[in-house]
């Protein structure tokens, strides 16, 4: 695999968790070498499997991915990943990875090989690793706050839709129209509901003029209303 090279720029680079690591690694004053390559992953292609992780970090450049677990013969989507998100961080810090990463659509990924953090002597680089870890766990906390707790079915679906607003907001974007990365059946799988239930809740939200849908394209017409229906209490 090639070593340092001029990184191609994507719109997601400005919000990518790896951007600072790239800058530090490319600084001539540090001895840390960052190896990377960019390639395309086709829809439904598995990027990394539960029992076959290579210890890489991945940055999503375009498209989206989903994390899938397989427990007791059941398949469950546990997370969704967008441009700017970092994948594989839990494995890098030594956690036991228990999911597959699968592309929702034709996506571009940047693959990184880093030294083991135990072997890194650069203080600046280690600071960025710590920051990356902090952002990762903050993202998990936000996901729990949006989708966790006791909620009615309508609250849960509204919270799921609002979680995209929050994800875009974290990247300093205000996006109210986007393509859902999951089908209705996959959303049902993600939320632990029936597919028919998801469809009914979408119809209710459309009748209330909170959202508008066309296929997998979704427009949020009333962001405050959606947040209120989801009973979402943001701390900041």
Protein backbone atom coordinates (compact mmCIF):
# COMPACT_ATOMS: atom_id res chain seq x y z
CA UNK A 1 0.00 0.00 0.00
CA UNK A 2 1.31 3.45 -0.85
CA UNK A 3 2.36 5.86 1.88
CA UNK A 4 1.77 9.60 1.98
CA UNK A 5 0.06 11.22 -0.97
CA UNK A 6 -1.93 14.33 -1.75
CA UNK A 7 -5.36 13.59 -0.32
CA UNK A 8 -8.30 14.13 -2.64
CA UNK A 9 -10.74 16.64 -1.16
CA UNK A 10 -14.41 15.82 -0.59
CA UNK A 11 -17.22 17.99 0.76
CA UNK A 12 -17.13 15.77 3.86
CA UNK A 13 -13.46 16.57 4.59
CA UNK A 14 -14.37 19.76 6.44
CA UNK A 15 -16.42 17.77 8.98
CA UNK A 16 -14.37 14.56 8.95
CA UNK A 17 -12.99 13.34 12.25
CA UNK A 18 -9.78 12.26 10.50
CA UNK A 19 -8.98 15.69 9.03
CA UNK A 20 -6.89 16.84 11.99
CA UNK A 21 -5.07 13.51 12.16
CA UNK A 22 -4.24 13.87 8.47
CA UNK A 23 -2.89 17.37 9.05
CA UNK A 24 -0.76 16.30 11.99
CA UNK A 25 0.55 13.21 10.20
CA UNK A 26 1.42 15.24 7.10
CA UNK A 27 3.32 17.78 9.19
CA UNK A 28 7.03 17.36 8.56
CA UNK A 29 7.78 17.88 12.26
CA UNK A 30 6.17 14.61 13.35
CA UNK A 31 7.48 11.09 12.85
CA UNK A 32 3.99 9.57 12.62
CA UNK A 33 3.29 8.04 9.21
CA UNK A 34 -0.28 7.73 8.07
CA UNK A 35 -0.93 5.21 5.28
CA UNK A 36 -4.16 5.53 3.38
CA UNK A 37 -6.02 4.74 0.19
CA UNK A 38 -9.38 5.70 -1.27
CA UNK A 39 -11.72 3.30 -3.02
CA UNK A 40 -15.36 2.66 -3.89
CA UNK A 41 -17.67 0.22 -2.10
CA UNK A 42 -20.73 -0.91 -4.04
CA UNK A 43 -24.25 -1.05 -2.61
CA UNK A 44 -24.77 -4.04 -0.26
CA UNK A 45 -21.01 -4.77 -0.31
CA UNK A 46 -19.52 -5.57 3.09
CA UNK A 47 -16.63 -3.30 4.03
CA UNK A 48 -15.61 -5.22 7.15
CA UNK A 49 -17.05 -8.28 8.86
CA UNK A 50 -17.47 -9.04 12.55
CA UNK A 51 -14.76 -11.73 12.49
CA UNK A 52 -12.50 -10.17 9.85
CA UNK A 53 -11.52 -6.67 10.98
CA UNK A 54 -8.00 -5.67 9.89
CA UNK A 55 -7.51 -2.90 12.41
CA UNK A 56 -8.03 -0.09 9.89
CA UNK A 57 -9.88 3.15 10.42
CA UNK A 58 -12.28 4.23 7.69
CA UNK A 59 -13.59 7.70 6.85
CA UNK A 60 -16.81 7.90 4.85
CA UNK A 61 -16.26 10.31 1.93
CA UNK A 62 -19.51 9.87 0.00
CA UNK A 63 -22.58 7.65 0.39
CA UNK A 64 -23.49 5.88 3.64
CA UNK A 65 -23.04 2.64 5.59
CA UNK A 66 -24.90 0.65 8.22
CA UNK A 67 -23.62 -1.43 11.12
CA UNK A 68 -25.27 -4.85 11.31
CA UNK A 69 -25.16 -7.39 14.15
CA UNK A 70 -26.01 -11.08 13.95
CA UNK A 71 -27.16 -12.45 17.30
CA UNK A 72 -29.05 -15.71 17.84
CA UNK A 73 -29.73 -15.95 14.13
CA UNK A 74 -31.33 -12.49 13.99
CA UNK A 75 -29.96 -9.58 11.94
CA UNK A 76 -30.27 -6.07 13.39
CA UNK A 77 -29.15 -2.67 12.12
CA UNK A 78 -27.57 -0.82 15.03
CA UNK A 79 -26.21 2.36 13.46
CA UNK A 80 -26.01 4.46 10.31
CA UNK A 81 -22.88 6.23 9.09
CA UNK A 82 -22.66 9.32 6.89
CA UNK A 83 -19.86 11.30 5.13
CA UNK A 84 -17.43 12.61 7.71
CA UNK A 85 -18.03 9.69 10.09
CA UNK A 86 -15.16 7.47 11.25
CA UNK A 87 -15.62 3.69 11.27
CA UNK A 88 -13.57 1.13 13.18
CA UNK A 89 -12.52 3.39 16.04
CA UNK A 90 -13.79 0.98 18.69
CA UNK A 91 -11.62 -1.78 17.24
CA UNK A 92 -8.60 0.53 17.10
CA UNK A 93 -8.82 1.32 20.82
CA UNK A 94 -9.09 -2.37 21.67
CA UNK A 95 -12.84 -2.94 21.99
CA UNK A 96 -14.35 -6.19 20.73
CA UNK A 97 -16.07 -5.40 17.44
CA UNK A 98 -19.36 -7.26 17.02
CA UNK A 99 -20.83 -5.98 13.77
CA UNK A 100 -20.47 -5.90 9.99
CA UNK A 101 -20.21 -2.69 7.97
CA UNK A 102 -22.33 -2.70 4.80
CA UNK A 103 -22.77 0.02 2.16
CA UNK A 104 -26.30 1.38 1.79
CA UNK A 105 -25.43 2.74 -1.65
CA UNK A 106 -22.41 3.16 -3.90
CA UNK A 107 -20.01 4.88 -1.50
CA UNK A 108 -16.47 6.20 -1.37
CA UNK A 109 -14.32 5.29 1.61
CA UNK A 110 -10.86 6.32 2.73
CA UNK A 111 -8.95 3.57 4.53
CA UNK A 112 -6.26 4.45 7.08
CA UNK A 113 -3.51 2.41 8.70
CA UNK A 114 -2.23 4.06 11.88
CA UNK A 115 0.46 2.95 14.30
CA UNK A 116 -0.89 1.38 17.47
CA UNK A 117 -1.73 4.24 19.78
CA UNK A 118 0.46 2.59 22.45
CA UNK A 119 3.45 3.09 20.11
CA UNK A 120 2.78 6.71 19.14
CA UNK A 121 5.26 9.18 20.63
CA UNK A 122 3.87 12.34 19.06
CA UNK A 123 1.91 14.25 21.72
CA UNK A 124 -0.02 16.23 19.10
CA UNK A 125 -1.08 13.04 17.33
CA UNK A 126 -2.14 11.40 20.59
CA UNK A 127 -4.23 14.48 21.45
CA UNK A 128 -6.10 14.04 18.18
CA UNK A 129 -6.69 10.33 18.94
CA UNK A 130 -8.16 11.29 22.32
CA UNK A 131 -10.37 13.93 20.67
CA UNK A 132 -11.53 11.38 18.11
CA UNK A 133 -12.45 8.97 20.91
CA UNK A 134 -14.32 11.70 22.76
CA UNK A 135 -16.35 12.59 19.67
CA UNK A 136 -17.12 8.91 19.11
CA UNK A 137 -18.59 8.44 22.59
CA UNK A 138 -20.45 11.76 22.40
CA UNK A 139 -22.09 10.49 19.21
CA UNK A 140 -23.18 7.31 21.05
CA UNK A 141 -24.62 9.41 23.88
CA UNK A 142 -26.56 11.59 21.43
CA UNK A 143 -27.95 8.49 19.75
CA UNK A 144 -29.16 7.16 23.10
CA UNK A 145 -30.72 10.51 24.04
CA UNK A 146 -32.60 10.72 20.74
CA UNK A 147 -33.70 7.09 20.37
CA UNK A 148 -33.55 5.75 23.92
CA UNK A 149 -36.02 5.86 26.78
CA UNK A 150 -39.71 5.01 26.89
CA UNK A 151 -41.46 6.50 23.88
CA UNK A 152 -44.65 5.97 21.97
CA UNK A 153 -44.31 4.60 18.45
CA UNK A 154 -44.90 8.04 16.92
CA UNK A 155 -42.34 9.60 19.26
CA UNK A 156 -39.81 6.95 18.33
CA UNK A 157 -40.24 7.46 14.57
CA UNK A 158 -40.17 11.26 14.95
CA UNK A 159 -37.00 10.91 17.04
CA UNK A 160 -35.44 8.72 14.38
CA UNK A 161 -36.11 11.33 11.69
CA UNK A 162 -34.92 14.15 13.95
CA UNK A 163 -31.69 12.26 14.60
CA UNK A 164 -30.66 13.11 11.02
CA UNK A 165 -31.18 16.81 11.71
CA UNK A 166 -28.94 16.42 14.74
CA UNK A 167 -26.28 14.54 12.76
CA UNK A 168 -26.18 17.26 10.11
CA UNK A 169 -26.16 19.94 12.82
CA UNK A 170 -23.10 18.30 14.38
CA UNK A 171 -21.37 18.87 11.04
CA UNK A 172 -22.45 22.53 11.05
CA UNK A 173 -25.09 21.88 8.37
CA UNK A 174 -28.78 22.69 8.40
CA UNK A 175 -30.31 20.06 6.12
CA UNK A 176 -34.05 19.45 5.98
CA UNK A 177 -34.23 17.49 2.72
CA UNK A 178 -32.26 14.30 2.20
CA UNK A 179 -32.42 10.70 1.03
CA UNK A 180 -33.11 8.21 3.80
CA UNK A 181 -30.28 5.66 3.80
CA UNK A 182 -32.63 2.85 4.86
CA UNK A 183 -35.80 1.38 3.39
CA UNK A 184 -38.98 1.29 5.50
CA UNK A 185 -38.23 -2.35 6.31
CA UNK A 186 -34.69 -1.48 7.43
CA UNK A 187 -35.98 1.41 9.55
CA UNK A 188 -38.36 -1.05 11.20
CA UNK A 189 -35.43 -3.39 11.84
CA UNK A 190 -33.37 -0.52 13.28
CA UNK A 191 -36.16 0.62 15.63
CA UNK A 192 -37.45 -2.84 16.49
CA UNK A 193 -40.89 -2.22 14.98
CA UNK A 194 -42.99 -3.75 12.20
CA UNK A 195 -42.60 -2.37 8.68
CA UNK A 196 -46.32 -1.60 8.51
CA UNK A 197 -46.03 0.39 11.73
CA UNK A 198 -43.28 2.55 10.25
CA UNK A 199 -45.40 3.27 7.17
CA UNK A 200 -48.38 4.28 9.35
CA UNK A 201 -46.28 6.69 11.43
CA UNK A 202 -44.87 8.29 8.28
CA UNK A 203 -48.44 8.80 6.99
CA UNK A 204 -49.45 10.40 10.32
CA UNK A 205 -46.47 12.78 10.20
CA UNK A 206 -47.29 13.67 6.59
CA UNK A 207 -50.94 14.32 7.49
CA UNK A 208 -49.74 16.63 10.27
CA UNK A 209 -47.59 18.43 7.66
CA UNK A 210 -44.45 17.67 9.65
CA UNK A 211 -42.71 15.80 6.82
CA UNK A 212 -43.16 15.04 3.13
CA UNK A 213 -41.85 11.89 1.47
CA UNK A 214 -41.32 10.69 -2.08
CA UNK A 215 -39.79 7.25 -2.18
CA UNK A 216 -36.73 7.42 0.08
CA UNK A 217 -36.53 11.19 -0.35
CA UNK A 218 -37.69 12.98 2.82
CA UNK A 219 -38.35 16.67 3.44
CA UNK A 220 -38.85 18.00 6.97
CA UNK A 221 -41.47 20.75 6.76
CA UNK A 222 -41.58 21.60 10.47
CA UNK A 223 -38.35 20.98 12.40
CA UNK A 224 -39.60 22.39 15.76
CA UNK A 225 -42.80 20.37 15.37
CA UNK A 226 -40.85 17.20 14.67
CA UNK A 227 -38.66 17.82 17.72
CA UNK A 228 -41.74 18.42 19.87
CA UNK A 229 -43.47 15.21 18.68
CA UNK A 230 -40.27 13.27 19.36
CA UNK A 231 -40.21 14.74 22.89
CA UNK A 232 -36.52 15.52 22.41
CA UNK A 233 -34.71 17.45 25.13
CA UNK A 234 -31.37 18.69 23.92
CA UNK A 235 -28.76 19.69 26.45
CA UNK A 236 -27.08 22.20 24.16
